[in-house]
Amino acid sequence: MAKSTSSDVLTLIRSLRSAYAATPTNLKVVYMGIVGSFPFNSFLSGVLSCVGTAVLAVCLRIQVNKENKEFKDLPPERAFADFVLCNLVLHLVIMNFLG
């Protein structure tokens, strides 16, 4: 069973190498220009999404807190609308960064 799996992996690697070799260089350059060449974009996007959402949630909590005198003139509906808009922008940037 293990021999079959290793031969499947080798076949897959050969297939990927031949497809990569057959791809025109112009297409590779265009893809690198549009998407980027950094290999950890998905990892960074996930981390930035989590951290950004947490920061925005803390900001919302601070703005809605009745004991905080700094934001006493800000209605909670406005704070929530800001939170939703900032989350939307954050996740659009994250999706763009993913490629």
N, C-alpha and C. Protein backbone atom coordinates (compact mmCIF):
# COMPACT_ATOMS: atom_id res chain seq x y z
N MET A 1 0.82 -1.19 0.00
CA MET A 1 0.00 0.00 0.00
C MET A 1 0.86 1.26 0.00
N ALA A 2 1.95 1.28 0.77
CA ALA A 2 2.82 2.45 0.82
C ALA A 2 3.53 2.67 -0.50
N LYS A 3 3.85 1.61 -1.20
CA LYS A 3 4.52 1.75 -2.49
C LYS A 3 3.60 2.43 -3.50
N SER A 4 2.34 2.09 -3.46
CA SER A 4 1.37 2.72 -4.35
C SER A 4 1.26 4.21 -4.06
N THR A 5 1.25 4.58 -2.79
CA THR A 5 1.14 5.98 -2.40
C THR A 5 2.37 6.77 -2.84
N SER A 6 3.56 6.21 -2.65
CA SER A 6 4.78 6.92 -3.05
C SER A 6 4.85 7.05 -4.56
N SER A 7 4.39 6.07 -5.30
CA SER A 7 4.40 6.20 -6.77
C SER A 7 3.38 7.24 -7.22
N ASP A 8 2.26 7.34 -6.51
CA ASP A 8 1.28 8.38 -6.83
C ASP A 8 1.86 9.77 -6.58
N VAL A 9 2.60 9.90 -5.51
CA VAL A 9 3.21 11.20 -5.20
C VAL A 9 4.25 11.56 -6.26
N LEU A 10 5.05 10.61 -6.65
CA LEU A 10 6.05 10.87 -7.69
C LEU A 10 5.39 11.24 -9.02
N THR A 11 4.30 10.58 -9.35
CA THR A 11 3.57 10.91 -10.56
C THR A 11 3.02 12.33 -10.49
N LEU A 12 2.49 12.69 -9.34
CA LEU A 12 1.96 14.04 -9.16
C LEU A 12 3.07 15.09 -9.28
N ILE A 13 4.20 14.83 -8.68
CA ILE A 13 5.33 15.78 -8.75
C ILE A 13 5.81 15.92 -10.20
N ARG A 14 5.93 14.83 -10.91
CA ARG A 14 6.32 14.89 -12.32
C ARG A 14 5.32 15.70 -13.14
N SER A 15 4.04 15.48 -12.87
CA SER A 15 3.00 16.20 -13.58
C SER A 15 3.08 17.70 -13.31
N LEU A 16 3.29 18.09 -12.05
CA LEU A 16 3.41 19.50 -11.71
C LEU A 16 4.64 20.14 -12.35
N ARG A 17 5.74 19.41 -12.35
CA ARG A 17 6.96 19.94 -12.98
C ARG A 17 6.78 20.15 -14.48
N SER A 18 6.14 19.20 -15.13
CA SER A 18 5.95 19.34 -16.57
C SER A 18 4.97 20.48 -16.88
N ALA A 19 3.93 20.64 -16.05
CA ALA A 19 2.99 21.75 -16.27
C ALA A 19 3.68 23.09 -16.02
N TYR A 20 4.53 23.16 -15.00
CA TYR A 20 5.25 24.40 -14.71
C TYR A 20 6.23 24.74 -15.84
N ALA A 21 6.89 23.72 -16.36
CA ALA A 21 7.84 23.95 -17.46
C ALA A 21 7.11 24.38 -18.73
N ALA A 22 5.87 23.93 -18.92
CA ALA A 22 5.12 24.28 -20.12
C ALA A 22 4.45 25.65 -20.03
N THR A 23 4.39 26.23 -18.84
CA THR A 23 3.76 27.54 -18.67
C THR A 23 4.67 28.62 -19.23
N PRO A 24 4.15 29.52 -20.06
CA PRO A 24 4.98 30.58 -20.63
C PRO A 24 5.53 31.53 -19.55
N THR A 25 6.72 32.02 -19.78
CA THR A 25 7.36 32.92 -18.81
C THR A 25 6.58 34.21 -18.64
N ASN A 26 6.00 34.72 -19.71
CA ASN A 26 5.21 35.96 -19.60
C ASN A 26 4.04 35.78 -18.63
N LEU A 27 3.38 34.63 -18.69
CA LEU A 27 2.27 34.36 -17.79
C LEU A 27 2.75 34.27 -16.33
N LYS A 28 3.91 33.66 -16.12
CA LYS A 28 4.46 33.58 -14.77
C LYS A 28 4.78 34.97 -14.21
N VAL A 29 5.33 35.84 -15.05
CA VAL A 29 5.68 37.20 -14.61
C VAL A 29 4.42 38.00 -14.30
N VAL A 30 3.40 37.88 -15.14
CA VAL A 30 2.14 38.59 -14.90
C VAL A 30 1.50 38.11 -13.60
N TYR A 31 1.49 36.81 -13.38
CA TYR A 31 0.92 36.26 -12.15
C TYR A 31 1.68 36.76 -10.93
N MET A 32 3.00 36.77 -11.01
CA MET A 32 3.81 37.25 -9.88
C MET A 32 3.56 38.73 -9.64
N GLY A 33 3.37 39.51 -10.70
CA GLY A 33 3.10 40.93 -10.54
C GLY A 33 1.75 41.21 -9.91
N ILE A 34 0.75 40.42 -10.27
CA ILE A 34 -0.60 40.63 -9.75
C ILE A 34 -0.75 40.03 -8.36
N VAL A 35 -0.37 38.79 -8.18
CA VAL A 35 -0.61 38.08 -6.93
C VAL A 35 0.54 38.26 -5.95
N GLY A 36 1.75 38.26 -6.43
CA GLY A 36 2.90 38.36 -5.55
C GLY A 36 3.64 37.04 -5.48
N SER A 37 4.81 37.09 -4.93
CA SER A 37 5.62 35.88 -4.86
C SER A 37 5.90 35.45 -3.43
N PHE A 38 5.35 36.15 -2.47
CA PHE A 38 5.61 35.79 -1.08
C PHE A 38 4.82 34.53 -0.73
N PRO A 39 5.46 33.49 -0.23
CA PRO A 39 4.77 32.20 -0.07
C PRO A 39 3.86 32.10 1.15
N PHE A 40 3.93 33.03 2.07
CA PHE A 40 3.15 32.90 3.30
C PHE A 40 1.98 33.88 3.37
N ASN A 41 1.46 34.28 2.20
CA ASN A 41 0.37 35.26 2.19
C ASN A 41 -0.86 34.76 2.93
N SER A 42 -1.19 33.50 2.77
CA SER A 42 -2.40 32.98 3.43
C SER A 42 -2.20 32.95 4.94
N PHE A 43 -1.02 32.59 5.41
CA PHE A 43 -0.76 32.59 6.85
C PHE A 43 -0.83 34.00 7.41
N LEU A 44 -0.19 34.94 6.74
CA LEU A 44 -0.22 36.32 7.21
C LEU A 44 -1.64 36.89 7.15
N SER A 45 -2.39 36.53 6.14
CA SER A 45 -3.77 37.01 6.05
C SER A 45 -4.60 36.50 7.21
N GLY A 46 -4.43 35.25 7.56
CA GLY A 46 -5.17 34.70 8.69
C GLY A 46 -4.81 35.38 10.00
N VAL A 47 -3.53 35.60 10.21
CA VAL A 47 -3.08 36.25 11.45
C VAL A 47 -3.57 37.70 11.50
N LEU A 48 -3.40 38.41 10.40
CA LEU A 48 -3.84 39.81 10.37
C LEU A 48 -5.35 39.94 10.50
N SER A 49 -6.09 38.99 9.97
CA SER A 49 -7.54 39.00 10.11
C SER A 49 -7.95 38.83 11.57
N CYS A 50 -7.32 37.87 12.25
CA CYS A 50 -7.64 37.65 13.67
C CYS A 50 -7.24 38.84 14.53
N VAL A 51 -6.04 39.34 14.34
CA VAL A 51 -5.57 40.47 15.14
C VAL A 51 -6.38 41.72 14.85
N GLY A 52 -6.66 41.98 13.57
CA GLY A 52 -7.43 43.16 13.21
C GLY A 52 -8.84 43.13 13.75
N THR A 53 -9.48 41.97 13.68
CA THR A 53 -10.83 41.85 14.22
C THR A 53 -10.83 42.03 15.72
N ALA A 54 -9.83 41.49 16.40
CA ALA A 54 -9.74 41.65 17.86
C ALA A 54 -9.54 43.12 18.23
N VAL A 55 -8.69 43.81 17.51
CA VAL A 55 -8.45 45.24 17.79
C VAL A 55 -9.72 46.05 17.55
N LEU A 56 -10.42 45.75 16.47
CA LEU A 56 -11.67 46.48 16.20
C LEU A 56 -12.73 46.18 17.26
N ALA A 57 -12.78 44.95 17.75
CA ALA A 57 -13.74 44.60 18.80
C ALA A 57 -13.41 45.33 20.11
N VAL A 58 -12.13 45.45 20.42
CA VAL A 58 -11.73 46.19 21.62
C VAL A 58 -12.09 47.67 21.48
N CYS A 59 -11.88 48.22 20.30
CA CYS A 59 -12.25 49.62 20.07
C CYS A 59 -13.75 49.83 20.21
N LEU A 60 -14.53 48.89 19.70
CA LEU A 60 -15.98 48.98 19.85
C LEU A 60 -16.36 48.92 21.32
N ARG A 61 -15.75 48.02 22.05
CA ARG A 61 -16.04 47.87 23.48
C ARG A 61 -15.70 49.15 24.24
N ILE A 62 -14.60 49.78 23.90
CA ILE A 62 -14.21 51.03 24.56
C ILE A 62 -15.21 52.14 24.24
N GLN A 63 -15.65 52.22 22.99
CA GLN A 63 -16.56 53.29 22.59
C GLN A 63 -17.96 53.12 23.17
N VAL A 64 -18.39 51.89 23.37
CA VAL A 64 -19.75 51.63 23.86
C VAL A 64 -19.83 51.68 25.39
N ASN A 65 -18.70 51.55 26.08
CA ASN A 65 -18.68 51.54 27.54
C ASN A 65 -19.22 52.86 28.08
N LYS A 66 -20.22 52.79 28.94
CA LYS A 66 -20.86 53.99 29.49
C LYS A 66 -19.95 54.73 30.48
N GLU A 67 -19.03 54.03 31.10
CA GLU A 67 -18.13 54.64 32.08
C GLU A 67 -17.01 55.45 31.42
N ASN A 68 -16.79 55.25 30.15
CA ASN A 68 -15.73 55.96 29.45
C ASN A 68 -16.22 57.36 29.08
N LYS A 69 -15.61 58.38 29.64
CA LYS A 69 -16.04 59.77 29.42
C LYS A 69 -15.56 60.33 28.08
N GLU A 70 -14.58 59.67 27.48
CA GLU A 70 -13.99 60.17 26.24
C GLU A 70 -14.96 60.09 25.06
N PHE A 71 -15.81 59.06 25.05
CA PHE A 71 -16.73 58.84 23.94
C PHE A 71 -18.19 59.02 24.38
N LYS A 72 -18.44 59.90 25.30
CA LYS A 72 -19.80 60.04 25.83
C LYS A 72 -20.76 60.63 24.80
N ASP A 73 -20.27 61.42 23.85
CA ASP A 73 -21.13 62.02 22.83
C ASP A 73 -21.36 61.11 21.63
N LEU A 74 -20.67 59.98 21.58
CA LEU A 74 -20.79 59.06 20.45
C LEU A 74 -21.90 58.05 20.71
N PRO A 75 -22.93 58.03 19.88
CA PRO A 75 -24.01 57.05 20.09
C PRO A 75 -23.52 55.63 19.79
N PRO A 76 -24.07 54.64 20.49
CA PRO A 76 -23.64 53.25 20.25
C PRO A 76 -23.90 52.78 18.83
N GLU A 77 -24.95 53.30 18.19
CA GLU A 77 -25.23 52.91 16.81
C GLU A 77 -24.13 53.36 15.87
N ARG A 78 -23.59 54.53 16.11
CA ARG A 78 -22.49 55.04 15.30
C ARG A 78 -21.24 54.21 15.51
N ALA A 79 -20.97 53.84 16.77
CA ALA A 79 -19.80 53.01 17.07
C ALA A 79 -19.91 51.65 16.38
N PHE A 80 -21.12 51.08 16.40
CA PHE A 80 -21.31 49.78 15.76
C PHE A 80 -21.19 49.91 14.23
N ALA A 81 -21.71 50.99 13.67
CA ALA A 81 -21.59 51.20 12.22
C ALA A 81 -20.11 51.35 11.83
N ASP A 82 -19.35 52.07 12.64
CA ASP A 82 -17.90 52.19 12.38
C ASP A 82 -17.22 50.83 12.44
N PHE A 83 -17.62 50.03 13.43
CA PHE A 83 -17.05 48.70 13.60
C PHE A 83 -17.34 47.83 12.36
N VAL A 84 -18.57 47.86 11.88
CA VAL A 84 -18.95 47.05 10.72
C VAL A 84 -18.21 47.54 9.47
N LEU A 85 -18.15 48.84 9.26
CA LEU A 85 -17.46 49.39 8.10
C LEU A 85 -15.96 49.05 8.13
N CYS A 86 -15.34 49.22 9.28
CA CYS A 86 -13.90 48.91 9.39
C CYS A 86 -13.64 47.42 9.19
N ASN A 87 -14.53 46.57 9.70
CA ASN A 87 -14.38 45.13 9.48
C ASN A 87 -14.51 44.78 8.00
N LEU A 88 -15.44 45.43 7.33
CA LEU A 88 -15.62 45.20 5.90
C LEU A 88 -14.36 45.59 5.12
N VAL A 89 -13.82 46.75 5.41
CA VAL A 89 -12.60 47.20 4.74
C VAL A 89 -11.43 46.28 5.07
N LEU A 90 -11.31 45.90 6.35
CA LEU A 90 -10.22 44.99 6.76
C LEU A 90 -10.30 43.69 5.98
N HIS A 91 -11.46 43.09 5.91
CA HIS A 91 -11.56 41.80 5.25
C HIS A 91 -11.47 41.90 3.73
N LEU A 92 -11.84 43.01 3.15
CA LEU A 92 -11.59 43.20 1.72
C LEU A 92 -10.09 43.27 1.43
N VAL A 93 -9.36 43.97 2.30
CA VAL A 93 -7.91 44.03 2.14
C VAL A 93 -7.29 42.65 2.34
N ILE A 94 -7.77 41.91 3.32
CA ILE A 94 -7.26 40.57 3.58
C ILE A 94 -7.51 39.67 2.36
N MET A 95 -8.72 39.74 1.81
CA MET A 95 -9.03 38.90 0.64
C MET A 95 -8.16 39.29 -0.57
N ASN A 96 -7.88 40.58 -0.71
CA ASN A 96 -7.02 41.02 -1.79
C ASN A 96 -5.60 40.55 -1.56
N PHE A 97 -5.16 40.54 -0.31
CA PHE A 97 -3.79 40.11 0.01
C PHE A 97 -3.62 38.61 -0.22
N LEU A 98 -4.69 37.85 -0.05
CA LEU A 98 -4.62 36.40 -0.28
C LEU A 98 -4.28 36.10 -1.74
N GLY A 99 -4.78 36.90 -2.64
CA GLY A 99 -4.51 36.66 -4.06
C GLY A 99 -5.67 36.01 -4.65
